[in-house]
Amino acid sequence: MNLSGITQALETINIRPDEIHDEQLSETFRILLQLIEELSGHVKKLKAENQKLRDEISLMKGEQPKPDIKPSGKKPNVDISSEEERKPKTLLKIRSRKQKKTR
């Protein structure tokens, strides 16, 4: 299971240590959740450092490092009109094309 899968699983569990009546069990859950957060952050840092070192090794071998691909800056299409709203616009365009001035 990857890091994002673990994060999603923890979010779906929805454990609230404050609502657990047994104080010792509540404190145990708090400690475990903090430990999971800390370790997942540490894993993320180590993965970034590992990739940096791999890129450095590739450069020393004369190869190219892994490219830094950034997400596209395109915004999603905001126009979510229905088919009925689009039809009159296209009909108007067709009508205006058919009407030509005669000389």
PDB file of N, CA and C in Angstrom:
ATOM      1  N   MET A   1       0.859  -1.174   0.000  1.00  0.00           N
ATOM      2  CA  MET A   1       0.000   0.000   0.000  1.00  0.00           C
ATOM      3  C   MET A   1       0.902   1.232   0.000  1.00  0.00           C
ATOM      4  N   ASN A   2       0.605   2.169  -0.890  1.00  0.00           N
ATOM      5  CA  ASN A   2       1.431   3.372  -0.967  1.00  0.00           C
ATOM      6  C   ASN A   2       0.992   4.404   0.072  1.00  0.00           C
ATOM      7  N   LEU A   3       1.711   5.500   0.127  1.00  0.00           N
ATOM      8  CA  LEU A   3       1.485   6.515   1.158  1.00  0.00           C
ATOM      9  C   LEU A   3       0.104   7.153   1.041  1.00  0.00           C
ATOM     10  N   SER A   4      -0.335   7.430  -0.194  1.00  0.00           N
ATOM     11  CA  SER A   4      -1.657   8.045  -0.354  1.00  0.00           C
ATOM     12  C   SER A   4      -2.759   7.065   0.031  1.00  0.00           C
ATOM     13  N   GLY A   5      -2.545   5.775  -0.228  1.00  0.00           N
ATOM     14  CA  GLY A   5      -3.522   4.765   0.169  1.00  0.00           C
ATOM     15  C   GLY A   5      -3.647   4.664   1.676  1.00  0.00           C
ATOM     16  N   ILE A   6      -2.524   4.766   2.361  1.00  0.00           N
ATOM     17  CA  ILE A   6      -2.533   4.727   3.827  1.00  0.00           C
ATOM     18  C   ILE A   6      -3.250   5.952   4.380  1.00  0.00           C
ATOM     19  N   THR A   7      -2.984   7.108   3.778  1.00  0.00           N
ATOM     20  CA  THR A   7      -3.634   8.343   4.225  1.00  0.00           C
ATOM     21  C   THR A   7      -5.143   8.248   4.047  1.00  0.00           C
ATOM     22  N   GLN A   8      -5.578   7.747   2.895  1.00  0.00           N
ATOM     23  CA  GLN A   8      -7.018   7.599   2.656  1.00  0.00           C
ATOM     24  C   GLN A   8      -7.641   6.605   3.628  1.00  0.00           C
ATOM     25  N   ALA A   9      -6.944   5.514   3.901  1.00  0.00           N
ATOM     26  CA  ALA A   9      -7.465   4.515   4.837  1.00  0.00           C
ATOM     27  C   ALA A   9      -7.624   5.110   6.230  1.00  0.00           C
ATOM     28  N   LEU A  10      -6.654   5.909   6.655  1.00  0.00           N
ATOM     29  CA  LEU A  10      -6.737   6.531   7.981  1.00  0.00           C
ATOM     30  C   LEU A  10      -7.876   7.543   8.053  1.00  0.00           C
ATOM     31  N   GLU A  11      -8.116   8.254   6.952  1.00  0.00           N
ATOM     32  CA  GLU A  11      -9.201   9.235   6.946  1.00  0.00           C
ATOM     33  C   GLU A  11     -10.563   8.554   6.990  1.00  0.00           C
ATOM     34  N   THR A  12     -10.686   7.385   6.362  1.00  0.00           N
ATOM     35  CA  THR A  12     -11.974   6.692   6.352  1.00  0.00           C
ATOM     36  C   THR A  12     -12.255   5.996   7.680  1.00  0.00           C
ATOM     37  N   ILE A  13     -11.214   5.693   8.461  1.00  0.00           N
ATOM     38  CA  ILE A  13     -11.420   5.037   9.756  1.00  0.00           C
ATOM     39  C   ILE A  13     -12.197   5.959  10.695  1.00  0.00           C
ATOM     40  N   ASN A  14     -11.867   7.239  10.681  1.00  0.00           N
ATOM     41  CA  ASN A  14     -12.583   8.251  11.461  1.00  0.00           C
ATOM     42  C   ASN A  14     -12.577   7.930  12.964  1.00  0.00           C
ATOM     43  N   ILE A  15     -11.406   7.712  13.522  1.00  0.00           N
ATOM     44  CA  ILE A  15     -11.272   7.438  14.955  1.00  0.00           C
ATOM     45  C   ILE A  15     -11.061   8.761  15.679  1.00  0.00           C
ATOM     46  N   ARG A  16     -11.848   8.973  16.704  1.00  0.00           N
ATOM     47  CA  ARG A  16     -11.700  10.168  17.537  1.00  0.00           C
ATOM     48  C   ARG A  16     -11.296   9.712  18.943  1.00  0.00           C
ATOM     49  N   PRO A  17     -10.019   9.865  19.279  1.00  0.00           N
ATOM     50  CA  PRO A  17      -9.553   9.396  20.598  1.00  0.00           C
ATOM     51  C   PRO A  17     -10.271  10.070  21.764  1.00  0.00           C
ATOM     52  N   ASP A  18     -10.777  11.291  21.568  1.00  0.00           N
ATOM     53  CA  ASP A  18     -11.464  11.997  22.653  1.00  0.00           C
ATOM     54  C   ASP A  18     -12.788  11.330  23.015  1.00  0.00           C
ATOM     55  N   GLU A  19     -13.375  10.593  22.056  1.00  0.00           N
ATOM     56  CA  GLU A  19     -14.668   9.961  22.297  1.00  0.00           C
ATOM     57  C   GLU A  19     -14.539   8.556  22.891  1.00  0.00           C
ATOM     58  N   ILE A  20     -13.316   8.053  23.036  1.00  0.00           N
ATOM     59  CA  ILE A  20     -13.102   6.734  23.632  1.00  0.00           C
ATOM     60  C   ILE A  20     -13.125   6.892  25.151  1.00  0.00           C
ATOM     61  N   HIS A  21     -13.956   6.075  25.811  1.00  0.00           N
ATOM     62  CA  HIS A  21     -14.157   6.226  27.258  1.00  0.00           C
ATOM     63  C   HIS A  21     -12.980   5.707  28.077  1.00  0.00           C
ATOM     64  N   ASP A  22     -12.316   4.673  27.607  1.00  0.00           N
ATOM     65  CA  ASP A  22     -11.159   4.134  28.322  1.00  0.00           C
ATOM     66  C   ASP A  22      -9.975   5.077  28.096  1.00  0.00           C
ATOM     67  N   GLU A  23      -9.495   5.697  29.165  1.00  0.00           N
ATOM     68  CA  GLU A  23      -8.449   6.724  29.062  1.00  0.00           C
ATOM     69  C   GLU A  23      -7.137   6.161  28.521  1.00  0.00           C
ATOM     70  N   GLN A  24      -6.779   4.970  28.946  1.00  0.00           N
ATOM     71  CA  GLN A  24      -5.528   4.363  28.493  1.00  0.00           C
ATOM     72  C   GLN A  24      -5.603   4.037  27.001  1.00  0.00           C
ATOM     73  N   LEU A  25      -6.737   3.518  26.559  1.00  0.00           N
ATOM     74  CA  LEU A  25      -6.927   3.202  25.141  1.00  0.00           C
ATOM     75  C   LEU A  25      -6.947   4.480  24.296  1.00  0.00           C
ATOM     76  N   SER A  26      -7.567   5.519  24.828  1.00  0.00           N
ATOM     77  CA  SER A  26      -7.616   6.805  24.136  1.00  0.00           C
ATOM     78  C   SER A  26      -6.217   7.379  23.941  1.00  0.00           C
ATOM     79  N   GLU A  27      -5.411   7.329  24.990  1.00  0.00           N
ATOM     80  CA  GLU A  27      -4.045   7.845  24.906  1.00  0.00           C
ATOM     81  C   GLU A  27      -3.208   7.008  23.945  1.00  0.00           C
ATOM     82  N   THR A  28      -3.434   5.696  23.936  1.00  0.00           N
ATOM     83  CA  THR A  28      -2.711   4.810  23.020  1.00  0.00           C
ATOM     84  C   THR A  28      -3.019   5.172  21.573  1.00  0.00           C
ATOM     85  N   PHE A  29      -4.300   5.413  21.266  1.00  0.00           N
ATOM     86  CA  PHE A  29      -4.680   5.805  19.907  1.00  0.00           C
ATOM     87  C   PHE A  29      -4.040   7.128  19.510  1.00  0.00           C
ATOM     88  N   ARG A  30      -4.023   8.086  20.435  1.00  0.00           N
ATOM     89  CA  ARG A  30      -3.396   9.380  20.142  1.00  0.00           C
ATOM     90  C   ARG A  30      -1.924   9.205  19.787  1.00  0.00           C
ATOM     91  N   ILE A  31      -1.228   8.420  20.584  1.00  0.00           N
ATOM     92  CA  ILE A  31       0.205   8.197  20.352  1.00  0.00           C
ATOM     93  C   ILE A  31       0.427   7.490  19.022  1.00  0.00           C
ATOM     94  N   LEU A  32      -0.384   6.468  18.751  1.00  0.00           N
ATOM     95  CA  LEU A  32      -0.227   5.726  17.495  1.00  0.00           C
ATOM     96  C   LEU A  32      -0.500   6.605  16.277  1.00  0.00           C
ATOM     97  N   LEU A  33      -1.527   7.433  16.337  1.00  0.00           N
ATOM     98  CA  LEU A  33      -1.835   8.316  15.207  1.00  0.00           C
ATOM     99  C   LEU A  33      -0.727   9.345  14.992  1.00  0.00           C
ATOM    100  N   GLN A  34      -0.176   9.881  16.081  1.00  0.00           N
ATOM    101  CA  GLN A  34       0.941  10.817  15.955  1.00  0.00           C
ATOM    102  C   GLN A  34       2.160  10.133  15.361  1.00  0.00           C
ATOM    103  N   LEU A  35       2.390   8.905  15.783  1.00  0.00           N
ATOM    104  CA  LEU A  35       3.519   8.137  15.267  1.00  0.00           C
ATOM    105  C   LEU A  35       3.360   7.867  13.770  1.00  0.00           C
ATOM    106  N   ILE A  36       2.149   7.530  13.352  1.00  0.00           N
ATOM    107  CA  ILE A  36       1.889   7.287  11.926  1.00  0.00           C
ATOM    108  C   ILE A  36       2.142   8.550  11.117  1.00  0.00           C
ATOM    109  N   GLU A  37       1.658   9.688  11.598  1.00  0.00           N
ATOM    110  CA  GLU A  37       1.879  10.955  10.895  1.00  0.00           C
ATOM    111  C   GLU A  37       3.367  11.274  10.787  1.00  0.00           C
ATOM    112  N   GLU A  38       4.078  11.090  11.892  1.00  0.00           N
ATOM    113  CA  GLU A  38       5.505  11.395  11.919  1.00  0.00           C
ATOM    114  C   GLU A  38       6.278  10.479  10.972  1.00  0.00           C
ATOM    115  N   LEU A  39       5.961   9.196  11.001  1.00  0.00           N
ATOM    116  CA  LEU A  39       6.665   8.237  10.149  1.00  0.00           C
ATOM    117  C   LEU A  39       6.343   8.442   8.669  1.00  0.00           C
ATOM    118  N   SER A  40       5.102   8.781   8.354  1.00  0.00           N
ATOM    119  CA  SER A  40       4.765   9.010   6.946  1.00  0.00           C
ATOM    120  C   SER A  40       5.472  10.256   6.414  1.00  0.00           C
ATOM    121  N   GLY A  41       5.622  11.275   7.254  1.00  0.00           N
ATOM    122  CA  GLY A  41       6.394  12.452   6.849  1.00  0.00           C
ATOM    123  C   GLY A  41       7.854  12.114   6.640  1.00  0.00           C
ATOM    124  N   HIS A  42       8.383  11.271   7.510  1.00  0.00           N
ATOM    125  CA  HIS A  42       9.782  10.841   7.400  1.00  0.00           C
ATOM    126  C   HIS A  42       9.984  10.027   6.118  1.00  0.00           C
ATOM    127  N   VAL A  43       9.037   9.149   5.805  1.00  0.00           N
ATOM    128  CA  VAL A  43       9.123   8.339   4.577  1.00  0.00           C
ATOM    129  C   VAL A  43       9.102   9.241   3.351  1.00  0.00           C
ATOM    130  N   LYS A  44       8.258  10.261   3.382  1.00  0.00           N
ATOM    131  CA  LYS A  44       8.169  11.190   2.250  1.00  0.00           C
ATOM    132  C   LYS A  44       9.503  11.905   2.027  1.00  0.00           C
ATOM    133  N   LYS A  45      10.133  12.357   3.122  1.00  0.00           N
ATOM    134  CA  LYS A  45      11.435  13.022   3.015  1.00  0.00           C
ATOM    135  C   LYS A  45      12.496  12.073   2.480  1.00  0.00           C
ATOM    136  N   LEU A  46      12.488  10.831   2.968  1.00  0.00           N
ATOM    137  CA  LEU A  46      13.481   9.853   2.523  1.00  0.00           C
ATOM    138  C   LEU A  46      13.310   9.505   1.045  1.00  0.00           C
ATOM    139  N   LYS A  47      12.061   9.440   0.582  1.00  0.00           N
ATOM    140  CA  LYS A  47      11.828   9.159  -0.840  1.00  0.00           C
ATOM    141  C   LYS A  47      12.356  10.295  -1.707  1.00  0.00           C
ATOM    142  N   ALA A  48      12.150  11.538  -1.263  1.00  0.00           N
ATOM    143  CA  ALA A  48      12.656  12.683  -2.018  1.00  0.00           C
ATOM    144  C   ALA A  48      14.184  12.676  -2.045  1.00  0.00           C
ATOM    145  N   GLU A  49      14.800  12.374  -0.907  1.00  0.00           N
ATOM    146  CA  GLU A  49      16.259  12.316  -0.845  1.00  0.00           C
ATOM    147  C   GLU A  49      16.795  11.174  -1.705  1.00  0.00           C
ATOM    148  N   ASN A  50      16.104  10.044  -1.691  1.00  0.00           N
ATOM    149  CA  ASN A  50      16.503   8.892  -2.496  1.00  0.00           C
ATOM    150  C   ASN A  50      16.470   9.239  -3.985  1.00  0.00           C
ATOM    151  N   GLN A  51      15.415   9.937  -4.416  1.00  0.00           N
ATOM    152  CA  GLN A  51      15.318  10.323  -5.822  1.00  0.00           C
ATOM    153  C   GLN A  51      16.418  11.310  -6.193  1.00  0.00           C
ATOM    154  N   LYS A  52      16.729  12.222  -5.271  1.00  0.00           N
ATOM    155  CA  LYS A  52      17.801  13.193  -5.511  1.00  0.00           C
ATOM    156  C   LYS A  52      19.137  12.476  -5.695  1.00  0.00           C
ATOM    157  N   LEU A  53      19.392  11.484  -4.856  1.00  0.00           N
ATOM    158  CA  LEU A  53      20.638  10.725  -4.962  1.00  0.00           C
ATOM    159  C   LEU A  53      20.680   9.888  -6.241  1.00  0.00           C
ATOM    160  N   ARG A  54      19.540   9.328  -6.640  1.00  0.00           N
ATOM    161  CA  ARG A  54      19.487   8.579  -7.905  1.00  0.00           C
ATOM    162  C   ARG A  54      19.788   9.493  -9.088  1.00  0.00           C
ATOM    163  N   ASP A  55      19.227  10.712  -9.052  1.00  0.00           N
ATOM    164  CA  ASP A  55      19.494  11.678 -10.120  1.00  0.00           C
ATOM    165  C   ASP A  55      20.978  12.031 -10.165  1.00  0.00           C
ATOM    166  N   GLU A  56      21.579  12.192  -8.991  1.00  0.00           N
ATOM    167  CA  GLU A  56      23.002  12.525  -8.922  1.00  0.00           C
ATOM    168  C   GLU A  56      23.854  11.387  -9.484  1.00  0.00           C
ATOM    169  N   ILE A  57      23.494  10.155  -9.174  1.00  0.00           N
ATOM    170  CA  ILE A  57      24.215   8.996  -9.715  1.00  0.00           C
ATOM    171  C   ILE A  57      24.067   8.946 -11.229  1.00  0.00           C
ATOM    172  N   SER A  58      22.857   9.227 -11.721  1.00  0.00           N
ATOM    173  CA  SER A  58      22.628   9.229 -13.170  1.00  0.00           C
ATOM    174  C   SER A  58      23.488  10.274 -13.863  1.00  0.00           C
ATOM    175  N   LEU A  59      23.602  11.459 -13.248  1.00  0.00           N
ATOM    176  CA  LEU A  59      24.439  12.510 -13.824  1.00  0.00           C
ATOM    177  C   LEU A  59      25.905  12.090 -13.860  1.00  0.00           C
ATOM    178  N   MET A  60      26.356  11.407 -12.816  1.00  0.00           N
ATOM    179  CA  MET A  60      27.748  10.953 -12.778  1.00  0.00           C
ATOM    180  C   MET A  60      28.022   9.892 -13.841  1.00  0.00           C
ATOM    181  N   LYS A  61      27.003   9.100 -14.157  1.00  0.00           N
ATOM    182  CA  LYS A  61      27.150   8.078 -15.196  1.00  0.00           C
ATOM    183  C   LYS A  61      27.026   8.681 -16.597  1.00  0.00           C
ATOM    184  N   GLY A  62      26.611   9.931 -16.674  1.00  0.00           N
ATOM    185  CA  GLY A  62      26.433  10.579 -17.964  1.00  0.00           C
ATOM    186  C   GLY A  62      25.017  10.454 -18.496  1.00  0.00           C
ATOM    187  N   GLU A  63      24.120   9.954 -17.682  1.00  0.00           N
ATOM    188  CA  GLU A  63      22.724   9.821 -18.082  1.00  0.00           C
ATOM    189  C   GLU A  63      21.956  11.064 -17.651  1.00  0.00           C
ATOM    190  N   GLN A  64      20.710  11.129 -18.103  1.00  0.00           N
ATOM    191  CA  GLN A  64      19.872  12.254 -17.705  1.00  0.00           C
ATOM    192  C   GLN A  64      19.084  11.876 -16.453  1.00  0.00           C
ATOM    193  N   PRO A  65      18.890  12.837 -15.549  1.00  0.00           N
ATOM    194  CA  PRO A  65      18.100  12.543 -14.353  1.00  0.00           C
ATOM    195  C   PRO A  65      16.615  12.446 -14.697  1.00  0.00           C
ATOM    196  N   LYS A  66      15.839  11.981 -13.747  1.00  0.00           N
ATOM    197  CA  LYS A  66      14.396  11.892 -13.936  1.00  0.00           C
ATOM    198  C   LYS A  66      13.848  13.309 -14.124  1.00  0.00           C
ATOM    199  N   PRO A  67      13.032  13.539 -15.163  1.00  0.00           N
ATOM    200  CA  PRO A  67      12.527  14.895 -15.396  1.00  0.00           C
ATOM    201  C   PRO A  67      11.557  15.331 -14.304  1.00  0.00           C
ATOM    202  N   ASP A  68      11.586  16.625 -14.025  1.00  0.00           N
ATOM    203  CA  ASP A  68      10.689  17.202 -13.032  1.00  0.00           C
ATOM    204  C   ASP A  68       9.432  17.658 -13.761  1.00  0.00           C
ATOM    205  N   ILE A  69       8.413  16.831 -13.760  1.00  0.00           N
ATOM    206  CA  ILE A  69       7.172  17.120 -14.486  1.00  0.00           C
ATOM    207  C   ILE A  69       6.203  17.794 -13.530  1.00  0.00           C
ATOM    208  N   LYS A  70       5.786  19.001 -13.898  1.00  0.00           N
ATOM    209  CA  LYS A  70       4.861  19.757 -13.072  1.00  0.00           C
ATOM    210  C   LYS A  70       3.449  19.589 -13.627  1.00  0.00           C
ATOM    211  N   PRO A  71       2.434  19.673 -12.779  1.00  0.00           N
ATOM    212  CA  PRO A  71       1.059  19.535 -13.267  1.00  0.00           C
ATOM    213  C   PRO A  71       0.705  20.680 -14.202  1.00  0.00           C
ATOM    214  N   SER A  72      -0.178  20.382 -15.138  1.00  0.00           N
ATOM    215  CA  SER A  72      -0.558  21.404 -16.108  1.00  0.00           C
ATOM    216  C   SER A  72      -1.342  22.509 -15.412  1.00  0.00           C
ATOM    217  N   GLY A  73      -1.229  23.706 -15.935  1.00  0.00           N
ATOM    218  CA  GLY A  73      -1.891  24.856 -15.351  1.00  0.00           C
ATOM    219  C   GLY A  73      -3.280  25.092 -15.915  1.00  0.00           C
ATOM    220  N   LYS A  74      -3.760  24.134 -16.704  1.00  0.00           N
ATOM    221  CA  LYS A  74      -5.081  24.308 -17.303  1.00  0.00           C
ATOM    222  C   LYS A  74      -6.160  24.216 -16.235  1.00  0.00           C
ATOM    223  N   LYS A  75      -7.129  25.087 -16.364  1.00  0.00           N
ATOM    224  CA  LYS A  75      -8.261  25.049 -15.451  1.00  0.00           C
ATOM    225  C   LYS A  75      -9.342  24.167 -16.078  1.00  0.00           C
ATOM    226  N   PRO A  76     -10.094  23.451 -15.270  1.00  0.00           N
ATOM    227  CA  PRO A  76     -11.150  22.613 -15.835  1.00  0.00           C
ATOM    228  C   PRO A  76     -12.230  23.471 -16.480  1.00  0.00           C
ATOM    229  N   ASN A  77     -12.913  22.885 -17.454  1.00  0.00           N
ATOM    230  CA  ASN A  77     -13.967  23.597 -18.161  1.00  0.00           C
ATOM    231  C   ASN A  77     -15.086  23.932 -17.183  1.00  0.00           C
ATOM    232  N   VAL A  78     -15.383  25.207 -17.040  1.00  0.00           N
ATOM    233  CA  VAL A  78     -16.371  25.653 -16.081  1.00  0.00           C
ATOM    234  C   VAL A  78     -17.771  25.626 -16.689  1.00  0.00           C
ATOM    235  N   ASP A  79     -17.856  25.685 -18.012  1.00  0.00           N
ATOM    236  CA  ASP A  79     -19.143  25.711 -18.691  1.00  0.00           C
ATOM    237  C   ASP A  79     -19.736  24.308 -18.712  1.00  0.00           C
ATOM    238  N   ILE A  80     -20.720  24.070 -17.856  1.00  0.00           N
ATOM    239  CA  ILE A  80     -21.381  22.779 -17.828  1.00  0.00           C
ATOM    240  C   ILE A  80     -22.844  22.970 -18.209  1.00  0.00           C
ATOM    241  N   SER A  81     -23.062  23.571 -19.346  1.00  0.00           N
ATOM    242  CA  SER A  81     -24.428  23.811 -19.785  1.00  0.00           C
ATOM    243  C   SER A  81     -25.046  22.519 -20.294  1.00  0.00           C
ATOM    244  N   SER A  82     -26.364  22.480 -20.261  1.00  0.00           N
ATOM    245  CA  SER A  82     -27.063  21.287 -20.725  1.00  0.00           C
ATOM    246  C   SER A  82     -27.172  21.305 -22.248  1.00  0.00           C
ATOM    247  N   GLU A  83     -27.565  20.194 -22.803  1.00  0.00           N
ATOM    248  CA  GLU A  83     -27.689  20.070 -24.258  1.00  0.00           C
ATOM    249  C   GLU A  83     -28.723  21.064 -24.796  1.00  0.00           C
ATOM    250  N   GLU A  84     -29.803  21.279 -24.043  1.00  0.00           N
ATOM    251  CA  GLU A  84     -30.851  22.203 -24.498  1.00  0.00           C
ATOM    252  C   GLU A  84     -30.331  23.638 -24.586  1.00  0.00           C
ATOM    253  N   GLU A  85     -29.445  24.011 -23.681  1.00  0.00           N
ATOM    254  CA  GLU A  85     -28.891  25.363 -23.705  1.00  0.00           C
ATOM    255  C   GLU A  85     -27.937  25.554 -24.872  1.00  0.00           C
ATOM    256  N   ARG A  86     -27.308  24.478 -25.324  1.00  0.00           N
ATOM    257  CA  ARG A  86     -26.349  24.594 -26.420  1.00  0.00           C
ATOM    258  C   ARG A  86     -27.029  24.596 -27.778  1.00  0.00           C
ATOM    259  N   LYS A  87     -28.167  23.933 -27.909  1.00  0.00           N
ATOM    260  CA  LYS A  87     -28.825  23.809 -29.211  1.00  0.00           C
ATOM    261  C   LYS A  87     -29.227  25.154 -29.819  1.00  0.00           C
ATOM    262  N   PRO A  88     -29.883  26.050 -29.090  1.00  0.00           N
ATOM    263  CA  PRO A  88     -30.269  27.316 -29.727  1.00  0.00           C
ATOM    264  C   PRO A  88     -29.077  28.115 -30.242  1.00  0.00           C
ATOM    265  N   LYS A  89     -27.956  28.048 -29.563  1.00  0.00           N
ATOM    266  CA  LYS A  89     -26.778  28.782 -30.009  1.00  0.00           C
ATOM    267  C   LYS A  89     -26.297  28.261 -31.355  1.00  0.00           C
ATOM    268  N   THR A  90     -26.283  26.945 -31.523  1.00  0.00           N
ATOM    269  CA  THR A  90     -25.804  26.385 -32.787  1.00  0.00           C
ATOM    270  C   THR A  90     -26.794  26.661 -33.904  1.00  0.00           C
ATOM    271  N   LEU A  91     -28.091  26.671 -33.599  1.00  0.00           N
ATOM    272  CA  LEU A  91     -29.084  26.967 -34.628  1.00  0.00           C
ATOM    273  C   LEU A  91     -28.952  28.413 -35.097  1.00  0.00           C
ATOM    274  N   LEU A  92     -28.676  29.317 -34.180  1.00  0.00           N
ATOM    275  CA  LEU A  92     -28.494  30.713 -34.559  1.00  0.00           C
ATOM    276  C   LEU A  92     -27.281  30.876 -35.465  1.00  0.00           C
ATOM    277  N   LYS A  93     -26.238  30.163 -35.196  1.00  0.00           N
ATOM    278  CA  LYS A  93     -25.050  30.247 -36.025  1.00  0.00           C
ATOM    279  C   LYS A  93     -25.334  29.741 -37.432  1.00  0.00           C
ATOM    280  N   ILE A  94     -26.069  28.647 -37.530  1.00  0.00           N
ATOM    281  CA  ILE A  94     -26.382  28.081 -38.846  1.00  0.00           C
ATOM    282  C   ILE A  94     -27.277  29.037 -39.620  1.00  0.00           C
ATOM    283  N   ARG A  95     -28.277  29.612 -38.980  1.00  0.00           N
ATOM    284  CA  ARG A  95     -29.184  30.535 -39.659  1.00  0.00           C
ATOM    285  C   ARG A  95     -28.433  31.754 -40.183  1.00  0.00           C
ATOM    286  N   SER A  96     -27.526  32.269 -39.384  1.00  0.00           N
ATOM    287  CA  SER A  96     -26.807  33.462 -39.819  1.00  0.00           C
ATOM    288  C   SER A  96     -25.899  33.146 -41.004  1.00  0.00           C
ATOM    289  N   ARG A  97     -25.449  31.947 -41.138  1.00  0.00           N
ATOM    290  CA  ARG A  97     -24.613  31.577 -42.271  1.00  0.00           C
ATOM    291  C   ARG A  97     -25.445  31.424 -43.540  1.00  0.00           C
ATOM    292  N   LYS A  98     -26.672  30.937 -43.403  1.00  0.00           N
ATOM    293  CA  LYS A  98     -27.507  30.693 -44.577  1.00  0.00           C
ATOM    294  C   LYS A  98     -28.044  32.000 -45.170  1.00  0.00           C
ATOM    295  N   GLN A  99     -28.260  32.990 -44.350  1.00  0.00           N
ATOM    296  CA  GLN A  99     -28.822  34.242 -44.839  1.00  0.00           C
ATOM    297  C   GLN A  99     -27.716  35.097 -45.435  1.00  0.00           C
ATOM    298  N   LYS A 100     -27.698  35.135 -46.766  1.00  0.00           N
ATOM    299  CA  LYS A 100     -26.708  35.951 -47.450  1.00  0.00           C
ATOM    300  C   LYS A 100     -27.429  37.067 -48.196  1.00  0.00           C
ATOM    301  N   LYS A 101     -26.733  38.134 -48.352  1.00  0.00           N
ATOM    302  CA  LYS A 101     -27.293  39.254 -49.092  1.00  0.00           C
ATOM    303  C   LYS A 101     -27.202  38.960 -50.577  1.00  0.00           C
ATOM    304  N   THR A 102     -28.272  39.216 -51.267  1.00  0.00           N
ATOM    305  CA  THR A 102     -28.264  39.029 -52.721  1.00  0.00           C
ATOM    306  C   THR A 102     -28.017  40.371 -53.379  1.00  0.00           C
ATOM    307  N   ARG A 103     -27.328  40.357 -54.497  1.00  0.00           N
ATOM    308  CA  ARG A 103     -27.000  41.606 -55.178  1.00  0.00           C
ATOM    309  C   ARG A 103     -27.908  41.847 -56.332  1.00  0.00           C
TER     310      ARG A 103
END
